[in-house]
């Protein structure tokens, strides 16, 4: 049984940084597309970072240059380093994964994600 558990959320002032973690258990396939998503109240869920098993990463313009997605050396932890945070980054952040052997690019990869975590709240105050 695959489980994704996020941690690292919290409250921070604008301009600050947070690092989110996603611990994946029960996922043994070496082929994957993993991503971080966020959803604020009253808004649609949006992808903020993808990484695939080839190491390709992608971001929307809204976070490009500020957010960095990475996999831990043990390959069972996904990270999202968030820098220069803005109030509009406030949302609940989720990690997700799907078995996929190709390149997955945010905005291009259309398949659904199979596994989702419960999310962690990020609040950025001005």
Protein backbone atom coordinates (compact mmCIF):
# COMPACT_ATOMS: atom_id res chain seq x y z
CA UNK A 1 0.00 0.00 0.00
CA UNK A 2 1.48 3.31 -1.09
CA UNK A 3 1.37 6.18 1.36
CA UNK A 4 2.55 9.75 0.89
CA UNK A 5 2.92 11.89 4.00
CA UNK A 6 3.73 15.59 3.75
CA UNK A 7 5.38 17.67 6.44
CA UNK A 8 7.16 20.98 6.83
CA UNK A 9 4.31 23.40 6.39
CA UNK A 10 3.77 26.34 8.69
CA UNK A 11 3.48 30.08 8.93
CA UNK A 12 6.14 32.39 7.59
CA UNK A 13 6.47 36.04 6.71
CA UNK A 14 6.71 37.19 3.12
CA UNK A 15 10.22 36.75 1.81
CA UNK A 16 10.86 33.75 4.02
CA UNK A 17 11.52 30.13 3.14
CA UNK A 18 10.06 26.73 3.93
CA UNK A 19 11.01 23.23 2.88
CA UNK A 20 8.25 20.72 2.47
CA UNK A 21 8.92 16.99 2.65
CA UNK A 22 6.91 14.08 1.33
CA UNK A 23 7.77 10.65 2.71
CA UNK A 24 6.75 7.88 0.34
CA UNK A 25 6.28 4.36 1.64
CA UNK A 26 5.27 1.24 -0.25
CA UNK A 27 6.24 2.71 -3.62
CA UNK A 28 8.82 0.48 -5.29
CA UNK A 29 8.56 1.32 -8.99
CA UNK A 30 11.65 3.11 -10.30
CA UNK A 31 9.60 4.86 -12.95
CA UNK A 32 7.61 7.78 -11.70
CA UNK A 33 6.32 11.23 -12.12
CA UNK A 34 5.96 13.05 -8.82
CA UNK A 35 4.62 16.47 -8.17
CA UNK A 36 3.70 19.13 -5.68
CA UNK A 37 0.31 20.75 -5.93
CA UNK A 38 -1.43 23.44 -3.94
CA UNK A 39 -4.97 24.54 -3.38
CA UNK A 40 -6.12 27.72 -1.71
CA UNK A 41 -9.70 28.22 -0.48
CA UNK A 42 -12.01 28.96 -3.37
CA UNK A 43 -9.34 28.25 -5.98
CA UNK A 44 -8.60 25.31 -8.22
CA UNK A 45 -5.79 22.97 -7.41
CA UNK A 46 -2.64 23.83 -9.35
CA UNK A 47 0.62 22.05 -9.93
CA UNK A 48 3.68 23.90 -8.69
CA UNK A 49 6.48 21.43 -9.44
CA UNK A 50 7.02 18.12 -11.19
CA UNK A 51 9.97 15.74 -11.24
CA UNK A 52 10.30 12.48 -13.12
CA UNK A 53 12.52 9.45 -12.72
CA UNK A 54 14.94 10.92 -15.27
CA UNK A 55 15.43 13.96 -13.07
CA UNK A 56 13.61 16.42 -15.30
CA UNK A 57 11.89 19.17 -13.33
CA UNK A 58 9.32 21.74 -14.37
CA UNK A 59 7.52 24.67 -12.77
CA UNK A 60 4.86 27.21 -13.65
CA UNK A 61 5.98 30.80 -14.14
CA UNK A 62 4.40 31.77 -10.82
CA UNK A 63 7.04 29.86 -8.81
CA UNK A 64 9.90 29.44 -11.28
CA UNK A 65 13.14 30.64 -9.74
CA UNK A 66 11.69 30.49 -6.22
CA UNK A 67 10.69 26.83 -5.75
CA UNK A 68 12.90 23.78 -6.19
CA UNK A 69 11.66 20.20 -6.31
CA UNK A 70 14.08 17.38 -5.53
CA UNK A 71 14.29 13.73 -4.50
CA UNK A 72 16.23 12.65 -1.46
CA UNK A 73 19.27 10.40 -1.77
CA UNK A 74 17.25 7.53 -0.40
CA UNK A 75 14.79 8.16 -3.26
CA UNK A 76 11.85 7.74 -0.92
CA UNK A 77 11.48 11.40 0.03
CA UNK A 78 10.34 14.26 -2.15
CA UNK A 79 11.17 17.84 -1.23
CA UNK A 80 9.94 21.26 -2.18
CA UNK A 81 12.22 24.13 -1.23
CA UNK A 82 10.23 27.33 -1.29
CA UNK A 83 12.08 30.63 -1.19
CA UNK A 84 11.01 34.26 -1.42
CA UNK A 85 7.54 33.27 -0.35
CA UNK A 86 4.63 35.56 -1.13
CA UNK A 87 1.19 35.82 0.49
CA UNK A 88 -0.29 34.37 -2.70
CA UNK A 89 1.69 31.18 -2.06
CA UNK A 90 -0.55 30.48 0.94
CA UNK A 91 -2.38 27.20 0.35
CA UNK A 92 -2.54 23.58 1.32
CA UNK A 93 0.28 21.75 -0.43
CA UNK A 94 0.02 18.15 -1.57
CA UNK A 95 2.48 15.70 -3.03
CA UNK A 96 1.39 13.15 -5.59
CA UNK A 97 2.89 10.30 -7.58
CA UNK A 98 2.12 8.11 -10.56
CA UNK A 99 4.01 5.32 -12.28
CA UNK A 100 5.35 6.72 -15.53
CA UNK A 101 8.41 5.90 -17.58
CA UNK A 102 8.71 9.04 -19.69
CA UNK A 103 9.34 12.71 -19.22
CA UNK A 104 6.59 14.47 -17.34
CA UNK A 105 6.39 18.21 -17.73
CA UNK A 106 3.96 20.44 -15.91
CA UNK A 107 1.45 21.71 -18.43
CA UNK A 108 2.19 18.86 -20.83
CA UNK A 109 1.76 15.70 -18.75
CA UNK A 110 -1.96 15.02 -18.81
CA UNK A 111 -2.26 11.65 -17.06
CA UNK A 112 -3.72 11.66 -13.60
CA UNK A 113 -1.72 11.09 -10.44
CA UNK A 114 -2.54 7.87 -8.66
CA UNK A 115 -1.30 8.52 -5.17
CA UNK A 116 -1.89 11.61 -3.05
CA UNK A 117 -0.90 12.75 0.39
CA UNK A 118 -3.14 14.53 2.87
CA UNK A 119 -1.42 17.86 2.48
CA UNK A 120 0.37 20.37 4.67
CA UNK A 121 -0.71 23.97 5.21
CA UNK A 122 1.49 26.89 4.22
CA UNK A 123 0.54 30.39 5.33
CA UNK A 124 2.54 33.43 4.24
CA UNK A 125 1.82 36.73 5.93
CA UNK A 126 2.61 40.13 4.50
